[in-house]
Amino acid sequence: MKAEPIASGAGVTESPDARAEARADMRLMRSLVIGIFILMTAAALYFARAFFMPVILAFLLALTLTPIVRFLRKRGIPEVVSATLLVLLSIFIFATAGYLLSGPVIDLINNSYSIGQQLTERLAPFKRPLERMMDLAHQLEALTETSQEPGVQRVAVAPSGFLSTAASNILEAGTSITIVFVLSLFLLASGTLFYEKIVQSFTSMTQKKRALRIVYDVEREISHYLLTVSIINMGLGTVIGLGLWALGMPNPLVWGAMAALLNFLPYVGALMTVLIVAIIALISFDTIAYALLAPAFVVLCDIVEGQFVTPTVVGRRLEINAVAIFIAIAFWSWLWGFVGALMAVPLLVVIKVFCDHFENLSPVGNFLAAQHTSVVDDEPAGNNHNQAA
């Protein structure tokens, strides 16, 4: 039976069913608007990545160095001086690392073909079960080629000039690096001016206090996370480099730097480091048993760092669950490539800290958290095997 409007002295009011239907329509409309906004944001980030990527990198670098700037300000050093010195030191570190690593990396790239041949020879006893499948694949490929009509011609698109493409990439990379360091310098030297501008955009005192609290909480948590994780990764890279040098691995500086850089990708970065070190060790040492010592040492270092060092130093409050980490790495690597993959977890931490300050966004923050906060409060801490982000 269809509900009829209820008459009253003030006029005709809607029935409860009509009000519920209107609320459902409003929720559906809100969901559609949010979905469209997310899609438009992703499209903007993809097509305008040349702008957004260096800007976000500059903010992350500024957040990493903010605790040092504030520490020096309390010692009487102005923000402009400390920010300039820190940015110049960062440029010097990146330039020195690039200069020291450029030679070995170029040699590895030039010798990639011989490395592949040597690896194939070392793994020859293990690939015999796959030879039949390879032969079948070659037969199918030959059959496909011979089955083409004689009058059909293949069309190949000639690649663009290598030099012009390389020059364009170098120019784009140089521009992005310049934007990163210059913008981070301005952000660090401005002190609290940027935060004051955010607070001034609100009208009531309650909104100003809440905005100021959120801004400082996000800045404190993210700067603590980025700075400590950067220090941990540099320590991990140093230990791995020294250990591989002691084992006799060639170019231990490259593998230590690679381990430090890839460790910004939880799980995925450690796996990539182990695989690359295992490949180089197999072609560098005479026996397979001794070659396995290098990847085993890397695995041991990753276990100690992931299960003991990072959870102790960073803290449990900023842990991210593995599912969210893999989704973020996959999304940002698709969006911005390798640089986006490196920024995936820091951006995920920013989102989590921001969501924790809003009640409407608390389900998102709870999903990103590695530990159960309300459903399972009495679960032993030893049952949580998730690595700190």
Protein backbone atom coordinates (compact mmCIF):
# COMPACT_ATOMS: atom_id res chain seq x y z
CA MET A 1 0.00 0.00 0.00
CA LYS A 2 1.46 3.32 -1.01
CA ALA A 3 2.15 5.78 1.79
CA GLU A 4 0.13 8.98 1.61
CA PRO A 5 1.26 12.43 2.75
CA ILE A 6 0.32 13.25 6.32
CA ALA A 7 -1.80 16.40 6.70
CA SER A 8 -1.05 18.82 9.51
CA GLY A 9 -1.99 22.29 10.55
CA ALA A 10 1.08 23.79 8.93
CA GLY A 11 0.44 22.03 5.63
CA VAL A 12 1.38 18.69 4.09
CA THR A 13 4.45 16.85 5.45
CA GLU A 14 6.33 14.00 3.83
CA SER A 15 5.92 10.44 5.04
CA PRO A 16 8.84 8.60 6.72
CA ASP A 17 9.27 6.45 3.61
CA ALA A 18 9.61 9.53 1.40
CA ARG A 19 12.17 11.07 3.76
CA ALA A 20 14.18 7.82 3.81
CA GLU A 21 14.10 7.66 0.02
CA ALA A 22 15.27 11.26 -0.20
CA ARG A 23 18.17 10.55 2.18
CA ALA A 24 19.14 7.49 0.11
CA ASP A 25 19.13 9.61 -3.03
CA MET A 26 21.30 12.21 -1.32
CA ARG A 27 23.80 9.53 -0.23
CA LEU A 28 23.89 8.12 -3.75
CA MET A 29 24.43 11.56 -5.21
CA ARG A 30 27.20 12.27 -2.69
CA SER A 31 28.90 8.97 -3.53
CA LEU A 32 28.73 9.74 -7.25
CA VAL A 33 30.22 13.20 -6.70
CA ILE A 34 33.04 11.75 -4.59
CA GLY A 35 33.74 9.08 -7.22
CA ILE A 36 33.85 11.66 -10.01
CA PHE A 37 36.15 13.85 -7.90
CA ILE A 38 38.55 10.94 -7.28
CA LEU A 39 38.66 10.06 -10.99
CA MET A 40 39.27 13.69 -11.96
CA THR A 41 42.02 13.98 -9.34
CA ALA A 42 43.75 10.84 -10.62
CA ALA A 43 43.52 12.13 -14.20
CA ALA A 44 44.96 15.49 -13.16
CA LEU A 45 47.83 13.81 -11.28
CA TYR A 46 48.60 11.66 -14.33
CA PHE A 47 48.48 14.28 -17.06
CA ALA A 48 50.08 17.02 -14.92
CA ARG A 49 52.70 14.80 -13.29
CA ALA A 50 55.49 17.09 -14.51
CA PHE A 51 54.07 19.72 -12.14
CA PHE A 52 52.70 17.69 -9.21
CA MET A 53 55.62 15.27 -8.86
CA PRO A 54 58.36 17.81 -8.00
CA VAL A 55 55.96 19.82 -5.85
CA ILE A 56 55.03 16.81 -3.70
CA LEU A 57 58.68 15.75 -3.54
CA ALA A 58 59.57 19.24 -2.32
CA PHE A 59 56.94 19.06 0.43
CA LEU A 60 58.19 15.64 1.52
CA LEU A 61 61.80 16.86 1.59
CA ALA A 62 60.77 19.95 3.56
CA LEU A 63 58.87 17.80 6.06
CA THR A 64 61.91 15.55 6.44
CA LEU A 65 64.21 18.47 7.26
CA THR A 66 61.73 20.49 9.36
CA PRO A 67 62.73 18.94 12.74
CA ILE A 68 66.36 19.88 12.10
CA VAL A 69 65.42 23.46 11.18
CA ARG A 70 63.35 23.84 14.36
CA PHE A 71 66.13 22.33 16.47
CA LEU A 72 68.60 24.84 15.05
CA ARG A 73 66.11 27.71 15.51
CA LYS A 74 65.94 26.94 19.22
CA ARG A 75 69.74 27.25 19.24
CA GLY A 76 69.53 30.75 17.76
CA ILE A 77 70.11 29.97 14.07
CA PRO A 78 67.51 31.63 11.77
CA GLU A 79 65.37 29.47 9.50
CA VAL A 80 66.83 31.07 6.37
CA VAL A 81 70.38 30.15 7.32
CA SER A 82 69.62 26.61 8.48
CA ALA A 83 67.32 25.91 5.52
CA THR A 84 69.93 27.11 3.04
CA LEU A 85 72.65 25.00 4.65
CA LEU A 86 70.45 21.89 4.77
CA VAL A 87 69.33 22.22 1.16
CA LEU A 88 72.91 22.79 0.00
CA LEU A 89 74.00 19.76 2.02
CA SER A 90 71.22 17.69 0.43
CA ILE A 91 72.31 18.80 -3.04
CA PHE A 92 75.91 17.91 -2.21
CA ILE A 93 74.91 14.46 -0.94
CA PHE A 94 72.78 13.68 -3.99
CA ALA A 95 75.42 14.98 -6.39
CA THR A 96 78.21 13.03 -4.69
CA ALA A 97 76.15 9.85 -4.62
CA GLY A 98 75.25 10.29 -8.29
CA TYR A 99 78.89 10.85 -9.23
CA LEU A 100 80.17 7.84 -7.26
CA LEU A 101 77.44 5.53 -8.50
CA SER A 102 77.35 6.66 -12.12
CA GLY A 103 80.46 4.74 -13.17
CA PRO A 104 79.52 1.32 -11.72
CA VAL A 105 75.91 1.67 -12.85
CA ILE A 106 76.95 2.51 -16.43
CA ASP A 107 79.32 -0.48 -16.44
CA LEU A 108 76.49 -2.76 -15.28
CA ILE A 109 74.21 -1.44 -18.01
CA ASN A 110 76.88 -1.93 -20.66
CA ASN A 111 77.61 -5.45 -19.41
CA SER A 112 73.97 -6.45 -19.05
CA TYR A 113 74.15 -8.78 -22.06
CA SER A 114 77.19 -10.63 -20.76
CA ILE A 115 75.62 -10.79 -17.29
CA GLY A 116 72.55 -12.44 -18.81
CA GLN A 117 74.71 -14.95 -20.66
CA GLN A 118 76.70 -15.83 -17.54
CA LEU A 119 73.52 -16.21 -15.52
CA THR A 120 72.06 -18.50 -18.18
CA GLU A 121 75.17 -20.67 -18.07
CA ARG A 122 75.11 -20.90 -14.28
CA LEU A 123 71.44 -21.83 -14.23
CA ALA A 124 71.70 -24.29 -17.12
CA PRO A 125 71.30 -27.41 -14.91
CA PHE A 126 68.07 -26.00 -13.48
CA LYS A 127 66.40 -25.04 -16.75
CA ARG A 128 66.30 -28.44 -18.42
CA PRO A 129 62.68 -29.11 -17.38
CA LEU A 130 61.71 -25.88 -19.16
CA GLU A 131 63.48 -26.63 -22.43
CA ARG A 132 60.50 -28.47 -23.91
CA MET A 133 58.24 -25.52 -23.20
CA MET A 134 60.76 -23.16 -24.81
CA ASP A 135 61.00 -25.40 -27.89
CA LEU A 136 57.23 -25.48 -28.15
CA ALA A 137 57.09 -21.69 -27.96
CA HIS A 138 59.69 -21.37 -30.73
CA GLN A 139 57.78 -23.84 -32.91
CA LEU A 140 54.57 -21.88 -32.46
CA GLU A 141 56.36 -18.65 -33.33
CA ALA A 142 57.85 -20.20 -36.48
CA LEU A 143 54.46 -21.59 -37.45
CA THR A 144 52.89 -18.17 -37.06
CA GLU A 145 55.53 -16.55 -39.22
CA THR A 146 55.23 -19.13 -42.05
CA SER A 147 51.43 -19.02 -42.04
CA GLN A 148 51.28 -15.40 -43.13
CA GLU A 149 50.15 -14.65 -46.66
CA PRO A 150 53.02 -13.98 -49.09
CA GLY A 151 51.55 -10.66 -50.20
CA VAL A 152 51.22 -9.27 -46.70
CA GLN A 153 53.93 -6.87 -45.61
CA ARG A 154 54.89 -6.07 -42.04
CA VAL A 155 54.75 -2.48 -40.96
CA ALA A 156 57.25 -1.29 -38.35
CA VAL A 157 57.24 2.10 -36.71
CA ALA A 158 60.69 3.59 -36.57
CA PRO A 159 61.60 4.85 -33.11
CA SER A 160 62.33 8.49 -32.57
CA GLY A 161 65.86 9.73 -32.28
CA PHE A 162 67.65 8.45 -29.23
CA LEU A 163 69.64 11.62 -28.66
CA SER A 164 66.61 13.89 -28.79
CA THR A 165 64.69 11.65 -26.39
CA ALA A 166 67.62 11.46 -23.97
CA ALA A 167 68.11 15.23 -24.10
CA SER A 168 64.42 15.81 -23.43
CA ASN A 169 64.46 13.41 -20.45
CA ILE A 170 67.61 15.00 -19.01
CA LEU A 171 66.12 18.48 -19.35
CA GLU A 172 62.86 17.39 -17.71
CA ALA A 173 64.72 15.66 -14.86
CA GLY A 174 66.94 18.70 -14.31
CA THR A 175 63.92 20.99 -14.18
CA SER A 176 62.13 18.75 -11.70
CA ILE A 177 65.19 18.48 -9.44
CA THR A 178 65.61 22.26 -9.48
CA ILE A 179 61.95 22.75 -8.51
CA VAL A 180 62.29 20.23 -5.68
CA PHE A 181 65.27 21.90 -4.03
CA VAL A 182 64.19 25.51 -4.60
CA LEU A 183 60.64 24.95 -3.37
CA SER A 184 61.83 22.97 -0.34
CA LEU A 185 64.21 25.84 0.46
CA PHE A 186 61.34 28.35 0.41
CA LEU A 187 59.15 26.08 2.54
CA LEU A 188 61.86 25.58 5.16
CA ALA A 189 62.92 29.23 5.21
CA SER A 190 59.34 30.50 5.61
CA GLY A 191 59.08 28.98 9.08
CA THR A 192 55.48 29.06 10.29
CA LEU A 193 54.27 31.49 7.59
CA PHE A 194 52.74 28.70 5.53
CA TYR A 195 50.81 27.40 8.54
CA GLU A 196 49.64 30.90 9.45
CA LYS A 197 48.19 31.36 5.96
CA ILE A 198 46.25 28.12 6.34
CA VAL A 199 44.84 29.20 9.71
CA GLN A 200 43.91 32.65 8.40
CA SER A 201 41.66 31.06 5.78
CA PHE A 202 39.18 30.08 8.55
CA THR A 203 36.82 32.52 10.25
CA SER A 204 35.84 31.25 13.71
CA MET A 205 38.34 30.73 16.52
CA THR A 206 37.24 27.09 16.93
CA GLN A 207 38.02 26.33 13.31
CA LYS A 208 41.36 28.12 13.56
CA LYS A 209 42.39 26.07 16.62
CA ARG A 210 41.31 22.83 15.00
CA ALA A 211 43.12 23.62 11.75
CA LEU A 212 46.28 24.60 13.63
CA ARG A 213 46.15 21.41 15.69
CA ILE A 214 45.68 19.23 12.60
CA VAL A 215 48.45 20.97 10.66
CA TYR A 216 50.98 20.65 13.47
CA ASP A 217 50.02 17.05 14.24
CA VAL A 218 50.37 16.02 10.60
CA GLU A 219 53.65 17.91 10.26
CA ARG A 220 55.07 16.40 13.47
CA GLU A 221 54.09 12.81 12.68
CA ILE A 222 55.16 12.89 9.03
CA SER A 223 58.46 14.66 9.70
CA HIS A 224 59.24 12.14 12.45
CA TYR A 225 58.41 9.25 10.13
CA LEU A 226 60.32 10.52 7.10
CA LEU A 227 63.42 11.57 9.01
CA THR A 228 63.69 8.38 11.06
CA VAL A 229 62.95 6.08 8.11
CA SER A 230 65.54 7.92 5.99
CA ILE A 231 68.16 7.48 8.71
CA ILE A 232 67.23 3.79 9.13
CA ASN A 233 67.46 3.18 5.40
CA MET A 234 70.87 4.85 5.19
CA GLY A 235 72.05 2.68 8.07
CA LEU A 236 70.65 -0.42 6.39
CA GLY A 237 72.38 0.45 3.13
CA THR A 238 75.68 1.01 4.96
CA VAL A 239 75.48 -2.35 6.75
CA ILE A 240 74.53 -4.21 3.56
CA GLY A 241 77.29 -2.49 1.58
CA LEU A 242 79.93 -3.32 4.18
CA GLY A 243 78.72 -6.91 4.50
CA LEU A 244 78.75 -7.49 0.74
CA TRP A 245 82.20 -5.91 0.56
CA ALA A 246 83.40 -8.37 3.21
CA LEU A 247 81.94 -11.26 1.19
CA GLY A 248 83.81 -10.11 -1.92
CA MET A 249 80.86 -8.84 -3.96
CA PRO A 250 81.78 -6.45 -6.78
CA ASN A 251 80.53 -2.87 -6.51
CA PRO A 252 79.30 -3.11 -2.90
CA LEU A 253 78.65 0.66 -2.85
CA VAL A 254 76.04 0.24 -5.59
CA TRP A 255 74.21 -2.55 -3.75
CA GLY A 256 74.26 -0.66 -0.46
CA ALA A 257 72.82 2.47 -2.10
CA MET A 258 70.26 0.34 -3.94
CA ALA A 259 69.20 -1.34 -0.68
CA ALA A 260 68.79 2.05 1.03
CA LEU A 261 66.73 3.46 -1.84
CA LEU A 262 64.54 0.42 -2.44
CA ASN A 263 63.82 0.04 1.27
CA PHE A 264 61.39 2.95 0.91
CA LEU A 265 59.22 0.31 -0.81
CA PRO A 266 58.20 -2.08 1.99
CA TYR A 267 58.24 -5.77 1.03
CA VAL A 268 58.69 -5.03 -2.68
CA GLY A 269 61.98 -3.17 -2.28
CA ALA A 270 63.54 -5.84 -0.07
CA LEU A 271 62.53 -8.55 -2.53
CA MET A 272 64.02 -6.63 -5.47
CA THR A 273 67.27 -6.11 -3.55
CA VAL A 274 67.57 -9.80 -2.69
CA LEU A 275 66.90 -10.89 -6.29
CA ILE A 276 69.41 -8.46 -7.83
CA VAL A 277 72.11 -9.33 -5.28
CA ALA A 278 71.47 -13.04 -5.86
CA ILE A 279 71.88 -12.61 -9.65
CA ILE A 280 75.15 -10.71 -9.31
CA ALA A 281 76.45 -13.18 -6.71
CA LEU A 282 75.68 -16.18 -8.94
CA ILE A 283 77.80 -14.80 -11.77
CA SER A 284 80.55 -13.43 -9.48
CA PHE A 285 81.43 -16.46 -7.33
CA ASP A 286 82.62 -19.89 -8.31
CA THR A 287 80.27 -22.00 -6.21
CA ILE A 288 76.53 -21.61 -5.85
CA ALA A 289 76.73 -22.35 -2.12
CA TYR A 290 79.03 -19.39 -1.49
CA ALA A 291 77.01 -17.20 -3.86
CA LEU A 292 73.91 -17.75 -1.74
CA LEU A 293 75.64 -16.14 1.26
CA ALA A 294 75.19 -12.64 -0.20
CA PRO A 295 71.36 -12.76 -0.63
CA ALA A 296 71.07 -14.60 2.69
CA PHE A 297 72.94 -11.74 4.40
CA VAL A 298 70.61 -9.21 2.75
CA VAL A 299 67.57 -11.19 3.94
CA LEU A 300 68.96 -11.25 7.49
CA CYS A 301 69.50 -7.47 7.46
CA ASP A 302 65.98 -6.88 6.12
CA ILE A 303 64.46 -9.09 8.82
CA VAL A 304 66.31 -7.28 11.59
CA GLU A 305 65.37 -3.88 10.17
CA GLY A 306 61.73 -4.70 9.45
CA GLN A 307 60.89 -6.66 12.58
CA PHE A 308 62.96 -4.94 15.25
CA VAL A 309 64.60 -1.63 14.27
CA THR A 310 61.80 0.18 12.41
CA PRO A 311 58.92 -0.83 14.76
CA THR A 312 61.01 0.24 17.76
CA VAL A 313 62.19 3.58 16.38
CA VAL A 314 59.21 4.69 14.31
CA GLY A 315 56.54 3.34 16.65
CA ARG A 316 53.40 1.29 16.20
CA ARG A 317 51.06 4.22 15.65
CA LEU A 318 52.21 4.77 12.07
CA GLU A 319 52.06 1.15 10.93
CA ILE A 320 50.23 0.53 7.66
CA ASN A 321 48.73 -2.82 6.70
CA ALA A 322 50.30 -4.77 3.87
CA VAL A 323 47.23 -4.66 1.60
CA ALA A 324 47.13 -0.85 1.64
CA ILE A 325 50.89 -0.71 1.00
CA PHE A 326 50.70 -2.95 -2.07
CA ILE A 327 47.71 -1.04 -3.45
CA ALA A 328 49.46 2.30 -2.92
CA ILE A 329 52.71 1.12 -4.53
CA ALA A 330 50.84 -0.32 -7.52
CA PHE A 331 48.75 2.85 -7.96
CA TRP A 332 51.56 5.39 -7.64
CA SER A 333 53.99 3.33 -9.74
CA TRP A 334 51.34 3.23 -12.50
CA LEU A 335 50.74 6.94 -12.07
CA TRP A 336 54.31 8.30 -11.78
CA GLY A 337 56.62 5.34 -12.34
CA PHE A 338 59.48 4.49 -9.99
CA VAL A 339 59.49 7.91 -8.32
CA GLY A 340 55.80 7.54 -7.57
CA ALA A 341 56.43 4.11 -6.05
CA LEU A 342 59.04 5.63 -3.72
CA MET A 343 56.54 8.29 -2.58
CA ALA A 344 53.66 5.81 -2.15
CA VAL A 345 54.19 4.90 1.50
CA PRO A 346 54.99 8.46 2.75
CA LEU A 347 51.84 9.72 1.02
CA LEU A 348 49.90 6.83 2.54
CA VAL A 349 51.13 7.85 5.99
CA VAL A 350 50.05 11.44 5.29
CA ILE A 351 46.56 10.21 4.38
CA LYS A 352 46.34 8.03 7.49
CA VAL A 353 47.41 10.79 9.89
CA PHE A 354 45.00 13.21 8.23
CA CYS A 355 42.08 10.74 8.41
CA ASP A 356 42.72 10.07 12.09
CA HIS A 357 41.77 13.69 12.86
CA PHE A 358 38.30 13.54 11.28
CA GLU A 359 35.50 11.39 12.57
CA ASN A 360 33.94 10.96 9.13
CA LEU A 361 37.25 9.69 7.75
CA SER A 362 38.08 7.42 10.69
CA PRO A 363 37.00 4.25 8.80
CA VAL A 364 39.62 5.03 6.16
CA GLY A 365 42.29 5.53 8.82
CA ASN A 366 41.21 2.32 10.54
CA PHE A 367 41.50 0.42 7.24
CA LEU A 368 45.00 1.75 6.66
CA ALA A 369 46.15 0.85 10.18
CA ALA A 370 48.09 -2.36 10.61
CA GLN A 371 46.60 -3.24 14.00
CA HIS A 372 42.98 -3.78 15.02
CA THR A 373 41.97 -0.90 17.22
CA SER A 374 38.42 -1.73 18.23
CA VAL A 375 37.50 -5.22 17.07
CA VAL A 376 40.34 -7.17 18.63
CA ASP A 377 41.83 -5.26 21.51
CA ASP A 378 43.16 -8.19 23.49
CA GLU A 379 45.08 -9.86 20.64
CA PRO A 380 48.70 -10.58 21.55
CA ALA A 381 51.19 -8.30 19.95
CA GLY A 382 53.15 -11.26 18.65
CA ASN A 383 50.33 -12.17 16.28
CA ASN A 384 50.83 -9.05 14.23
CA HIS A 385 53.30 -9.92 11.50
CA ASN A 386 52.87 -6.76 9.47
CA GLN A 387 55.95 -4.74 8.80
CA ALA A 388 56.10 -1.10 9.72
CA ALA A 389 55.53 1.16 6.78
